[in-house]
């Protein structure tokens, strides 16, 4: 399969897992609409041969340090930037477990 087919397949699978619908490239312009149409999420999917090692390492550390009932996340901060612009990274399976897939609304803290 071509590289193009590979990222399309990834977008379709993420859409399925989260209960969204993949938006074909012909139906969007850069920044116009997300890769996946969803009721409460704006989903942009990136398909890499390997995510950046520093991101993987941060996530591995969060997973190793998580205790029962804790959601492992990695917060990525750019030096000099506002913390409100930091990125939060978590595993898709954890996201679905905590916030739901499909068209579910995000659950309230403590539920």
PDB file of N, CA and C in Angstrom:
ATOM      1  N   UNK A   1       0.843  -1.180   0.000  1.00  0.00           N
ATOM      2  CA  UNK A   1       0.000   0.000   0.000  1.00  0.00           C
ATOM      3  C   UNK A   1       0.887   1.241   0.000  1.00  0.00           C
ATOM      4  N   UNK A   2       0.423   2.270  -0.647  1.00  0.00           N
ATOM      5  CA  UNK A   2       1.196   3.504  -0.729  1.00  0.00           C
ATOM      6  C   UNK A   2       1.187   4.246   0.601  1.00  0.00           C
ATOM      7  N   UNK A   3       2.133   5.167   0.740  1.00  0.00           N
ATOM      8  CA  UNK A   3       2.162   5.998   1.941  1.00  0.00           C
ATOM      9  C   UNK A   3       0.852   6.779   2.058  1.00  0.00           C
ATOM     10  N   UNK A   4       0.339   7.244   0.918  1.00  0.00           N
ATOM     11  CA  UNK A   4      -0.925   7.985   0.921  1.00  0.00           C
ATOM     12  C   UNK A   4      -2.051   7.110   1.476  1.00  0.00           C
ATOM     13  N   UNK A   5      -2.122   5.879   1.034  1.00  0.00           N
ATOM     14  CA  UNK A   5      -3.150   4.965   1.519  1.00  0.00           C
ATOM     15  C   UNK A   5      -3.009   4.668   2.994  1.00  0.00           C
ATOM     16  N   UNK A   6      -1.777   4.659   3.472  1.00  0.00           N
ATOM     17  CA  UNK A   6      -1.508   4.379   4.870  1.00  0.00           C
ATOM     18  C   UNK A   6      -2.080   5.470   5.773  1.00  0.00           C
ATOM     19  N   UNK A   7      -1.844   6.747   5.461  1.00  0.00           N
ATOM     20  CA  UNK A   7      -2.374   7.796   6.330  1.00  0.00           C
ATOM     21  C   UNK A   7      -3.878   7.917   6.202  1.00  0.00           C
ATOM     22  N   UNK A   8      -4.418   7.618   5.016  1.00  0.00           N
ATOM     23  CA  UNK A   8      -5.875   7.623   4.862  1.00  0.00           C
ATOM     24  C   UNK A   8      -6.499   6.538   5.746  1.00  0.00           C
ATOM     25  N   UNK A   9      -5.884   5.361   5.735  1.00  0.00           N
ATOM     26  CA  UNK A   9      -6.369   4.257   6.557  1.00  0.00           C
ATOM     27  C   UNK A   9      -6.307   4.632   8.041  1.00  0.00           C
ATOM     28  N   UNK A  10      -5.234   5.304   8.446  1.00  0.00           N
ATOM     29  CA  UNK A  10      -5.102   5.737   9.839  1.00  0.00           C
ATOM     30  C   UNK A  10      -6.215   6.714  10.200  1.00  0.00           C
ATOM     31  N   UNK A  11      -6.490   7.685   9.334  1.00  0.00           N
ATOM     32  CA  UNK A  11      -7.572   8.644   9.592  1.00  0.00           C
ATOM     33  C   UNK A  11      -8.918   7.925   9.712  1.00  0.00           C
ATOM     34  N   UNK A  12      -9.173   6.943   8.845  1.00  0.00           N
ATOM     35  CA  UNK A  12     -10.430   6.193   8.907  1.00  0.00           C
ATOM     36  C   UNK A  12     -10.547   5.420  10.220  1.00  0.00           C
ATOM     37  N   UNK A  13      -9.459   4.792  10.647  1.00  0.00           N
ATOM     38  CA  UNK A  13      -9.482   4.008  11.882  1.00  0.00           C
ATOM     39  C   UNK A  13      -9.690   4.899  13.101  1.00  0.00           C
ATOM     40  N   UNK A  14      -9.014   6.037  13.155  1.00  0.00           N
ATOM     41  CA  UNK A  14      -9.207   6.970  14.277  1.00  0.00           C
ATOM     42  C   UNK A  14     -10.654   7.460  14.286  1.00  0.00           C
ATOM     43  N   UNK A  15     -11.188   7.786  13.111  1.00  0.00           N
ATOM     44  CA  UNK A  15     -12.586   8.222  13.020  1.00  0.00           C
ATOM     45  C   UNK A  15     -13.512   7.140  13.567  1.00  0.00           C
ATOM     46  N   UNK A  16     -13.271   5.896  13.177  1.00  0.00           N
ATOM     47  CA  UNK A  16     -14.103   4.785  13.658  1.00  0.00           C
ATOM     48  C   UNK A  16     -14.028   4.651  15.173  1.00  0.00           C
ATOM     49  N   UNK A  17     -12.815   4.695  15.715  1.00  0.00           N
ATOM     50  CA  UNK A  17     -12.615   4.514  17.152  1.00  0.00           C
ATOM     51  C   UNK A  17     -13.269   5.615  17.974  1.00  0.00           C
ATOM     52  N   UNK A  18     -13.331   6.818  17.423  1.00  0.00           N
ATOM     53  CA  UNK A  18     -13.884   7.952  18.159  1.00  0.00           C
ATOM     54  C   UNK A  18     -15.309   8.310  17.745  1.00  0.00           C
ATOM     55  N   UNK A  19     -15.865   7.530  16.820  1.00  0.00           N
ATOM     56  CA  UNK A  19     -17.239   7.773  16.412  1.00  0.00           C
ATOM     57  C   UNK A  19     -17.397   8.982  15.509  1.00  0.00           C
ATOM     58  N   UNK A  20     -16.358   9.301  14.765  1.00  0.00           N
ATOM     59  CA  UNK A  20     -16.415  10.425  13.842  1.00  0.00           C
ATOM     60  C   UNK A  20     -16.460   9.941  12.406  1.00  0.00           C
ATOM     61  N   UNK A  21     -16.274  10.874  11.495  1.00  0.00           N
ATOM     62  CA  UNK A  21     -16.273  10.565  10.073  1.00  0.00           C
ATOM     63  C   UNK A  21     -15.094  11.259   9.419  1.00  0.00           C
ATOM     64  N   UNK A  22     -14.296  10.481   8.698  1.00  0.00           N
ATOM     65  CA  UNK A  22     -13.141  11.050   7.997  1.00  0.00           C
ATOM     66  C   UNK A  22     -13.621  12.030   6.935  1.00  0.00           C
ATOM     67  N   UNK A  23     -12.967  13.179   6.875  1.00  0.00           N
ATOM     68  CA  UNK A  23     -13.265  14.171   5.851  1.00  0.00           C
ATOM     69  C   UNK A  23     -12.245  13.990   4.738  1.00  0.00           C
ATOM     70  N   UNK A  24     -12.678  13.632   3.534  1.00  0.00           N
ATOM     71  CA  UNK A  24     -11.725  13.462   2.427  1.00  0.00           C
ATOM     72  C   UNK A  24     -10.952  14.745   2.156  1.00  0.00           C
ATOM     73  N   UNK A  25      -9.723  14.587   1.707  1.00  0.00           N
ATOM     74  CA  UNK A  25      -8.879  15.744   1.420  1.00  0.00           C
ATOM     75  C   UNK A  25      -9.564  16.690   0.445  1.00  0.00           C
ATOM     76  N   UNK A  26     -10.311  16.145  -0.504  1.00  0.00           N
ATOM     77  CA  UNK A  26     -10.997  16.994  -1.476  1.00  0.00           C
ATOM     78  C   UNK A  26     -12.056  17.867  -0.816  1.00  0.00           C
ATOM     79  N   UNK A  27     -12.465  17.514   0.390  1.00  0.00           N
ATOM     80  CA  UNK A  27     -13.500  18.270   1.086  1.00  0.00           C
ATOM     81  C   UNK A  27     -12.961  19.256   2.099  1.00  0.00           C
ATOM     82  N   UNK A  28     -11.669  19.514   2.057  1.00  0.00           N
ATOM     83  CA  UNK A  28     -11.101  20.424   3.051  1.00  0.00           C
ATOM     84  C   UNK A  28      -9.907  21.172   2.496  1.00  0.00           C
ATOM     85  N   UNK A  29      -9.652  22.316   3.089  1.00  0.00           N
ATOM     86  CA  UNK A  29      -8.440  23.083   2.823  1.00  0.00           C
ATOM     87  C   UNK A  29      -7.664  23.127   4.132  1.00  0.00           C
ATOM     88  N   UNK A  30      -6.379  23.355   4.069  1.00  0.00           N
ATOM     89  CA  UNK A  30      -5.552  23.353   5.283  1.00  0.00           C
ATOM     90  C   UNK A  30      -6.132  24.311   6.325  1.00  0.00           C
ATOM     91  N   UNK A  31      -6.457  23.755   7.480  1.00  0.00           N
ATOM     92  CA  UNK A  31      -6.988  24.551   8.570  1.00  0.00           C
ATOM     93  C   UNK A  31      -8.474  24.859   8.450  1.00  0.00           C
ATOM     94  N   UNK A  32      -9.085  24.431   7.353  1.00  0.00           N
ATOM     95  CA  UNK A  32     -10.499  24.711   7.113  1.00  0.00           C
ATOM     96  C   UNK A  32     -11.398  23.824   7.979  1.00  0.00           C
ATOM     97  N   UNK A  33     -11.185  22.524   7.914  1.00  0.00           N
ATOM     98  CA  UNK A  33     -11.916  21.546   8.717  1.00  0.00           C
ATOM     99  C   UNK A  33     -10.923  20.491   9.189  1.00  0.00           C
ATOM    100  N   UNK A  34     -11.247  19.776  10.265  1.00  0.00           N
ATOM    101  CA  UNK A  34     -10.312  18.755  10.762  1.00  0.00           C
ATOM    102  C   UNK A  34     -10.300  17.524   9.864  1.00  0.00           C
ATOM    103  N   UNK A  35      -9.366  16.622  10.134  1.00  0.00           N
ATOM    104  CA  UNK A  35      -9.274  15.362   9.396  1.00  0.00           C
ATOM    105  C   UNK A  35     -10.496  14.488   9.651  1.00  0.00           C
ATOM    106  N   UNK A  36     -11.036  14.592  10.865  1.00  0.00           N
ATOM    107  CA  UNK A  36     -12.180  13.778  11.270  1.00  0.00           C
ATOM    108  C   UNK A  36     -13.277  14.694  11.803  1.00  0.00           C
ATOM    109  N   UNK A  37     -14.466  14.571  11.227  1.00  0.00           N
ATOM    110  CA  UNK A  37     -15.636  15.323  11.694  1.00  0.00           C
ATOM    111  C   UNK A  37     -16.202  14.600  12.906  1.00  0.00           C
ATOM    112  N   UNK A  38     -16.481  15.350  13.965  1.00  0.00           N
ATOM    113  CA  UNK A  38     -16.947  14.771  15.222  1.00  0.00           C
ATOM    114  C   UNK A  38     -17.822  15.790  15.920  1.00  0.00           C
ATOM    115  N   UNK A  39     -18.715  15.318  16.777  1.00  0.00           N
ATOM    116  CA  UNK A  39     -19.654  16.229  17.432  1.00  0.00           C
ATOM    117  C   UNK A  39     -19.000  17.167  18.452  1.00  0.00           C
ATOM    118  N   UNK A  40     -17.974  16.717  19.185  1.00  0.00           N
ATOM    119  CA  UNK A  40     -17.389  17.582  20.212  1.00  0.00           C
ATOM    120  C   UNK A  40     -15.870  17.657  20.168  1.00  0.00           C
ATOM    121  N   UNK A  41     -15.245  17.010  19.195  1.00  0.00           N
ATOM    122  CA  UNK A  41     -13.796  17.052  19.055  1.00  0.00           C
ATOM    123  C   UNK A  41     -13.413  17.629  17.698  1.00  0.00           C
ATOM    124  N   UNK A  42     -12.306  18.335  17.641  1.00  0.00           N
ATOM    125  CA  UNK A  42     -11.686  18.746  16.385  1.00  0.00           C
ATOM    126  C   UNK A  42     -10.449  17.875  16.250  1.00  0.00           C
ATOM    127  N   UNK A  43     -10.505  16.900  15.358  1.00  0.00           N
ATOM    128  CA  UNK A  43      -9.476  15.852  15.314  1.00  0.00           C
ATOM    129  C   UNK A  43      -8.563  16.024  14.110  1.00  0.00           C
ATOM    130  N   UNK A  44      -7.304  16.258  14.384  1.00  0.00           N
ATOM    131  CA  UNK A  44      -6.251  16.300  13.368  1.00  0.00           C
ATOM    132  C   UNK A  44      -5.403  15.053  13.585  1.00  0.00           C
ATOM    133  N   UNK A  45      -5.219  14.254  12.554  1.00  0.00           N
ATOM    134  CA  UNK A  45      -4.479  12.996  12.670  1.00  0.00           C
ATOM    135  C   UNK A  45      -3.139  13.148  11.970  1.00  0.00           C
ATOM    136  N   UNK A  46      -2.064  12.785  12.655  1.00  0.00           N
ATOM    137  CA  UNK A  46      -0.727  12.759  12.053  1.00  0.00           C
ATOM    138  C   UNK A  46      -0.253  11.314  12.010  1.00  0.00           C
ATOM    139  N   UNK A  47       0.215  10.898  10.867  1.00  0.00           N
ATOM    140  CA  UNK A  47       0.693   9.520  10.669  1.00  0.00           C
ATOM    141  C   UNK A  47       2.183   9.598  10.349  1.00  0.00           C
ATOM    142  N   UNK A  48       3.006   9.151  11.293  1.00  0.00           N
ATOM    143  CA  UNK A  48       4.455   9.184  11.129  1.00  0.00           C
ATOM    144  C   UNK A  48       4.987   7.763  11.162  1.00  0.00           C
ATOM    145  N   UNK A  49       6.149   7.555  10.548  1.00  0.00           N
ATOM    146  CA  UNK A  49       6.777   6.249  10.676  1.00  0.00           C
ATOM    147  C   UNK A  49       7.164   6.013  12.137  1.00  0.00           C
ATOM    148  N   UNK A  50       7.500   7.087  12.831  1.00  0.00           N
ATOM    149  CA  UNK A  50       7.822   7.004  14.255  1.00  0.00           C
ATOM    150  C   UNK A  50       7.650   8.394  14.865  1.00  0.00           C
ATOM    151  N   UNK A  51       6.840   8.504  15.927  1.00  0.00           N
ATOM    152  CA  UNK A  51       6.709   9.809  16.586  1.00  0.00           C
ATOM    153  C   UNK A  51       8.051  10.270  17.146  1.00  0.00           C
ATOM    154  N   UNK A  52       8.216  11.568  17.376  1.00  0.00           N
ATOM    155  CA  UNK A  52       9.480  12.072  17.917  1.00  0.00           C
ATOM    156  C   UNK A  52       9.878  11.347  19.212  1.00  0.00           C
ATOM    157  N   UNK A  53      11.130  10.960  19.297  1.00  0.00           N
ATOM    158  CA  UNK A  53      11.626  10.184  20.439  1.00  0.00           C
ATOM    159  C   UNK A  53      11.392  10.894  21.770  1.00  0.00           C
ATOM    160  N   UNK A  54      11.541  12.207  21.799  1.00  0.00           N
ATOM    161  CA  UNK A  54      11.355  12.947  23.056  1.00  0.00           C
ATOM    162  C   UNK A  54       9.906  12.868  23.540  1.00  0.00           C
ATOM    163  N   UNK A  55       8.973  12.840  22.603  1.00  0.00           N
ATOM    164  CA  UNK A  55       7.565  12.710  22.968  1.00  0.00           C
ATOM    165  C   UNK A  55       7.303  11.300  23.489  1.00  0.00           C
ATOM    166  N   UNK A  56       7.829  10.300  22.796  1.00  0.00           N
ATOM    167  CA  UNK A  56       7.668   8.908  23.247  1.00  0.00           C
ATOM    168  C   UNK A  56       8.266   8.708  24.633  1.00  0.00           C
ATOM    169  N   UNK A  57       9.432   9.290  24.870  1.00  0.00           N
ATOM    170  CA  UNK A  57      10.088   9.160  26.174  1.00  0.00           C
ATOM    171  C   UNK A  57       9.251   9.812  27.270  1.00  0.00           C
ATOM    172  N   UNK A  58       8.722  10.993  27.006  1.00  0.00           N
ATOM    173  CA  UNK A  58       7.891  11.678  27.999  1.00  0.00           C
ATOM    174  C   UNK A  58       6.654  10.844  28.327  1.00  0.00           C
ATOM    175  N   UNK A  59       6.037  10.270  27.303  1.00  0.00           N
ATOM    176  CA  UNK A  59       4.842   9.457  27.524  1.00  0.00           C
ATOM    177  C   UNK A  59       5.193   8.189  28.289  1.00  0.00           C
ATOM    178  N   UNK A  60       6.310   7.563  27.965  1.00  0.00           N
ATOM    179  CA  UNK A  60       6.759   6.364  28.685  1.00  0.00           C
ATOM    180  C   UNK A  60       6.979   6.660  30.161  1.00  0.00           C
ATOM    181  N   UNK A  61       7.553   7.811  30.465  1.00  0.00           N
ATOM    182  CA  UNK A  61       7.770   8.200  31.863  1.00  0.00           C
ATOM    183  C   UNK A  61       6.437   8.398  32.588  1.00  0.00           C
ATOM    184  N   UNK A  62       5.479   9.020  31.915  1.00  0.00           N
ATOM    185  CA  UNK A  62       4.163   9.239  32.526  1.00  0.00           C
ATOM    186  C   UNK A  62       3.464   7.902  32.790  1.00  0.00           C
ATOM    187  N   UNK A  63       3.573   6.985  31.851  1.00  0.00           N
ATOM    188  CA  UNK A  63       2.958   5.661  32.010  1.00  0.00           C
ATOM    189  C   UNK A  63       3.602   4.918  33.173  1.00  0.00           C
ATOM    190  N   UNK A  64       4.925   4.946  33.244  1.00  0.00           N
ATOM    191  CA  UNK A  64       5.642   4.243  34.312  1.00  0.00           C
ATOM    192  C   UNK A  64       5.315   4.822  35.687  1.00  0.00           C
ATOM    193  N   UNK A  65       5.080   6.112  35.777  1.00  0.00           N
ATOM    194  CA  UNK A  65       4.818   6.770  37.058  1.00  0.00           C
ATOM    195  C   UNK A  65       3.350   6.727  37.470  1.00  0.00           C
ATOM    196  N   UNK A  66       2.446   6.395  36.547  1.00  0.00           N
ATOM    197  CA  UNK A  66       1.015   6.397  36.855  1.00  0.00           C
ATOM    198  C   UNK A  66       0.678   5.294  37.849  1.00  0.00           C
ATOM    199  N   UNK A  67      -0.149   5.633  38.797  1.00  0.00           N
ATOM    200  CA  UNK A  67      -0.643   4.670  39.782  1.00  0.00           C
ATOM    201  C   UNK A  67      -2.100   4.364  39.461  1.00  0.00           C
ATOM    202  N   UNK A  68      -2.670   3.392  40.153  1.00  0.00           N
ATOM    203  CA  UNK A  68      -4.056   2.981  39.898  1.00  0.00           C
ATOM    204  C   UNK A  68      -4.974   4.198  39.846  1.00  0.00           C
ATOM    205  N   UNK A  69      -5.765   4.256  38.786  1.00  0.00           N
ATOM    206  CA  UNK A  69      -6.743   5.323  38.657  1.00  0.00           C
ATOM    207  C   UNK A  69      -6.210   6.617  38.084  1.00  0.00           C
ATOM    208  N   UNK A  70      -4.916   6.697  37.797  1.00  0.00           N
ATOM    209  CA  UNK A  70      -4.350   7.917  37.243  1.00  0.00           C
ATOM    210  C   UNK A  70      -4.269   7.830  35.728  1.00  0.00           C
ATOM    211  N   UNK A  71      -4.521   8.949  35.075  1.00  0.00           N
ATOM    212  CA  UNK A  71      -4.435   9.062  33.625  1.00  0.00           C
ATOM    213  C   UNK A  71      -3.043   9.568  33.263  1.00  0.00           C
ATOM    214  N   UNK A  72      -2.224   8.737  32.599  1.00  0.00           N
ATOM    215  CA  UNK A  72      -0.882   9.209  32.237  1.00  0.00           C
ATOM    216  C   UNK A  72      -0.945  10.179  31.055  1.00  0.00           C
ATOM    217  N   UNK A  73      -0.375  11.361  31.261  1.00  0.00           N
ATOM    218  CA  UNK A  73      -0.291  12.366  30.200  1.00  0.00           C
ATOM    219  C   UNK A  73       1.115  12.942  30.183  1.00  0.00           C
ATOM    220  N   UNK A  74       1.504  13.472  29.047  1.00  0.00           N
ATOM    221  CA  UNK A  74       2.758  14.220  28.929  1.00  0.00           C
ATOM    222  C   UNK A  74       2.377  15.632  28.498  1.00  0.00           C
ATOM    223  N   UNK A  75       2.897  16.630  29.182  1.00  0.00           N
ATOM    224  CA  UNK A  75       2.646  18.023  28.827  1.00  0.00           C
ATOM    225  C   UNK A  75       3.893  18.547  28.133  1.00  0.00           C
ATOM    226  N   UNK A  76       3.718  19.042  26.909  1.00  0.00           N
ATOM    227  CA  UNK A  76       4.824  19.538  26.105  1.00  0.00           C
ATOM    228  C   UNK A  76       4.798  21.060  26.105  1.00  0.00           C
ATOM    229  N   UNK A  77       5.876  21.654  26.586  1.00  0.00           N
ATOM    230  CA  UNK A  77       5.956  23.109  26.722  1.00  0.00           C
ATOM    231  C   UNK A  77       7.088  23.656  25.862  1.00  0.00           C
ATOM    232  N   UNK A  78       6.795  24.695  25.109  1.00  0.00           N
ATOM    233  CA  UNK A  78       7.814  25.388  24.324  1.00  0.00           C
ATOM    234  C   UNK A  78       8.392  26.518  25.164  1.00  0.00           C
ATOM    235  N   UNK A  79       9.715  26.534  25.319  1.00  0.00           N
ATOM    236  CA  UNK A  79      10.374  27.561  26.125  1.00  0.00           C
ATOM    237  C   UNK A  79       9.917  28.948  25.675  1.00  0.00           C
ATOM    238  N   UNK A  80       9.519  29.749  26.638  1.00  0.00           N
ATOM    239  CA  UNK A  80       9.108  31.122  26.359  1.00  0.00           C
ATOM    240  C   UNK A  80       7.645  31.280  25.986  1.00  0.00           C
ATOM    241  N   UNK A  81       6.953  30.188  25.760  1.00  0.00           N
ATOM    242  CA  UNK A  81       5.540  30.258  25.378  1.00  0.00           C
ATOM    243  C   UNK A  81       4.653  30.273  26.627  1.00  0.00           C
ATOM    244  N   UNK A  82       3.416  30.681  26.433  1.00  0.00           N
ATOM    245  CA  UNK A  82       2.434  30.649  27.512  1.00  0.00           C
ATOM    246  C   UNK A  82       2.078  29.195  27.825  1.00  0.00           C
ATOM    247  N   UNK A  83       1.913  28.882  29.092  1.00  0.00           N
ATOM    248  CA  UNK A  83       1.556  27.509  29.453  1.00  0.00           C
ATOM    249  C   UNK A  83       0.176  27.132  28.946  1.00  0.00           C
ATOM    250  N   UNK A  84      -0.684  28.100  28.713  1.00  0.00           N
ATOM    251  CA  UNK A  84      -2.001  27.785  28.174  1.00  0.00           C
ATOM    252  C   UNK A  84      -1.913  27.239  26.746  1.00  0.00           C
ATOM    253  N   UNK A  85      -0.756  27.394  26.097  1.00  0.00           N
ATOM    254  CA  UNK A  85      -0.539  26.846  24.755  1.00  0.00           C
ATOM    255  C   UNK A  85       0.195  25.509  24.764  1.00  0.00           C
ATOM    256  N   UNK A  86       0.516  24.991  25.952  1.00  0.00           N
ATOM    257  CA  UNK A  86       1.182  23.692  26.054  1.00  0.00           C
ATOM    258  C   UNK A  86       0.298  22.611  25.436  1.00  0.00           C
ATOM    259  N   UNK A  87       0.923  21.546  24.983  1.00  0.00           N
ATOM    260  CA  UNK A  87       0.199  20.421  24.401  1.00  0.00           C
ATOM    261  C   UNK A  87       0.105  19.289  25.415  1.00  0.00           C
ATOM    262  N   UNK A  88      -1.016  18.604  25.431  1.00  0.00           N
ATOM    263  CA  UNK A  88      -1.214  17.445  26.291  1.00  0.00           C
ATOM    264  C   UNK A  88      -1.265  16.215  25.400  1.00  0.00           C
ATOM    265  N   UNK A  89      -0.417  15.233  25.697  1.00  0.00           N
ATOM    266  CA  UNK A  89      -0.338  13.997  24.922  1.00  0.00           C
ATOM    267  C   UNK A  89      -0.795  12.850  25.808  1.00  0.00           C
ATOM    268  N   UNK A  90      -1.650  12.000  25.256  1.00  0.00           N
ATOM    269  CA  UNK A  90      -2.046  10.793  25.954  1.00  0.00           C
ATOM    270  C   UNK A  90      -2.351   9.715  24.925  1.00  0.00           C
ATOM    271  N   UNK A  91      -2.380   8.469  25.382  1.00  0.00           N
ATOM    272  CA  UNK A  91      -2.657   7.362  24.479  1.00  0.00           C
ATOM    273  C   UNK A  91      -4.136   7.373  24.095  1.00  0.00           C
ATOM    274  N   UNK A  92      -4.426   7.007  22.850  1.00  0.00           N
ATOM    275  CA  UNK A  92      -5.800   7.010  22.366  1.00  0.00           C
ATOM    276  C   UNK A  92      -6.677   6.078  23.203  1.00  0.00           C
ATOM    277  N   UNK A  93      -6.177   4.905  23.562  1.00  0.00           N
ATOM    278  CA  UNK A  93      -6.963   3.969  24.386  1.00  0.00           C
ATOM    279  C   UNK A  93      -7.323   4.599  25.727  1.00  0.00           C
ATOM    280  N   UNK A  94      -6.398   5.345  26.329  1.00  0.00           N
ATOM    281  CA  UNK A  94      -6.677   6.022  27.596  1.00  0.00           C
ATOM    282  C   UNK A  94      -7.715   7.126  27.398  1.00  0.00           C
ATOM    283  N   UNK A  95      -7.583   7.865  26.310  1.00  0.00           N
ATOM    284  CA  UNK A  95      -8.545   8.921  26.019  1.00  0.00           C
ATOM    285  C   UNK A  95      -9.957   8.334  25.924  1.00  0.00           C
ATOM    286  N   UNK A  96     -10.107   7.245  25.162  1.00  0.00           N
ATOM    287  CA  UNK A  96     -11.420   6.629  24.984  1.00  0.00           C
ATOM    288  C   UNK A  96     -11.955   6.110  26.317  1.00  0.00           C
ATOM    289  N   UNK A  97     -11.077   5.507  27.120  1.00  0.00           N
ATOM    290  CA  UNK A  97     -11.501   4.985  28.422  1.00  0.00           C
ATOM    291  C   UNK A  97     -12.006   6.111  29.327  1.00  0.00           C
ATOM    292  N   UNK A  98     -11.312   7.234  29.343  1.00  0.00           N
ATOM    293  CA  UNK A  98     -11.657   8.336  30.240  1.00  0.00           C
ATOM    294  C   UNK A  98     -12.770   9.233  29.711  1.00  0.00           C
ATOM    295  N   UNK A  99     -12.758   9.479  28.409  1.00  0.00           N
ATOM    296  CA  UNK A  99     -13.672  10.468  27.849  1.00  0.00           C
ATOM    297  C   UNK A  99     -14.704   9.872  26.907  1.00  0.00           C
ATOM    298  N   UNK A 100     -14.533   8.629  26.535  1.00  0.00           N
ATOM    299  CA  UNK A 100     -15.480   7.953  25.666  1.00  0.00           C
ATOM    300  C   UNK A 100     -15.134   8.092  24.207  1.00  0.00           C
ATOM    301  N   UNK A 101     -15.631   7.166  23.446  1.00  0.00           N
ATOM    302  CA  UNK A 101     -15.511   7.229  21.997  1.00  0.00           C
ATOM    303  C   UNK A 101     -16.876   7.567  21.444  1.00  0.00           C
ATOM    304  N   UNK A 102     -17.074   7.317  20.207  1.00  0.00           N
ATOM    305  CA  UNK A 102     -18.365   7.609  19.616  1.00  0.00           C
ATOM    306  C   UNK A 102     -18.738   9.052  19.775  1.00  0.00           C
ATOM    307  N   UNK A 103     -20.013   9.318  19.919  1.00  0.00           N
ATOM    308  CA  UNK A 103     -20.469  10.696  20.043  1.00  0.00           C
ATOM    309  C   UNK A 103     -20.720  11.066  21.497  1.00  0.00           C
ATOM    310  N   UNK A 104     -20.143  10.299  22.426  1.00  0.00           N
ATOM    311  CA  UNK A 104     -20.319  10.585  23.831  1.00  0.00           C
ATOM    312  C   UNK A 104     -19.756  11.949  24.198  1.00  0.00           C
ATOM    313  N   UNK A 105     -20.414  12.611  25.107  1.00  0.00           N
ATOM    314  CA  UNK A 105     -19.885  13.861  25.636  1.00  0.00           C
ATOM    315  C   UNK A 105     -18.788  13.542  26.626  1.00  0.00           C
ATOM    316  N   UNK A 106     -17.845  14.451  26.840  1.00  0.00           N
ATOM    317  CA  UNK A 106     -16.795  14.155  27.829  1.00  0.00           C
ATOM    318  C   UNK A 106     -17.421  13.993  29.194  1.00  0.00           C
ATOM    319  N   UNK A 107     -16.911  13.017  29.949  1.00  0.00           N
ATOM    320  CA  UNK A 107     -17.467  12.802  31.281  1.00  0.00           C
ATOM    321  C   UNK A 107     -16.924  13.833  32.249  1.00  0.00           C
ATOM    322  N   UNK A 108     -17.673  14.132  33.250  1.00  0.00           N
ATOM    323  CA  UNK A 108     -17.248  15.091  34.269  1.00  0.00           C
ATOM    324  C   UNK A 108     -16.200  14.436  35.149  1.00  0.00           C
ATOM    325  N   UNK A 109     -15.307  15.246  35.712  1.00  0.00           N
ATOM    326  CA  UNK A 109     -14.267  14.734  36.601  1.00  0.00           C
ATOM    327  C   UNK A 109     -14.928  13.971  37.754  1.00  0.00           C
ATOM    328  N   UNK A 110     -14.364  12.832  38.077  1.00  0.00           N
ATOM    329  CA  UNK A 110     -14.840  12.054  39.209  1.00  0.00           C
ATOM    330  C   UNK A 110     -15.934  11.060  38.864  1.00  0.00           C
ATOM    331  N   UNK A 111     -16.420  11.048  37.634  1.00  0.00           N
ATOM    332  CA  UNK A 111     -17.464  10.082  37.267  1.00  0.00           C
ATOM    333  C   UNK A 111     -16.854   8.728  36.982  1.00  0.00           C
TER     334      UNK A 111
END
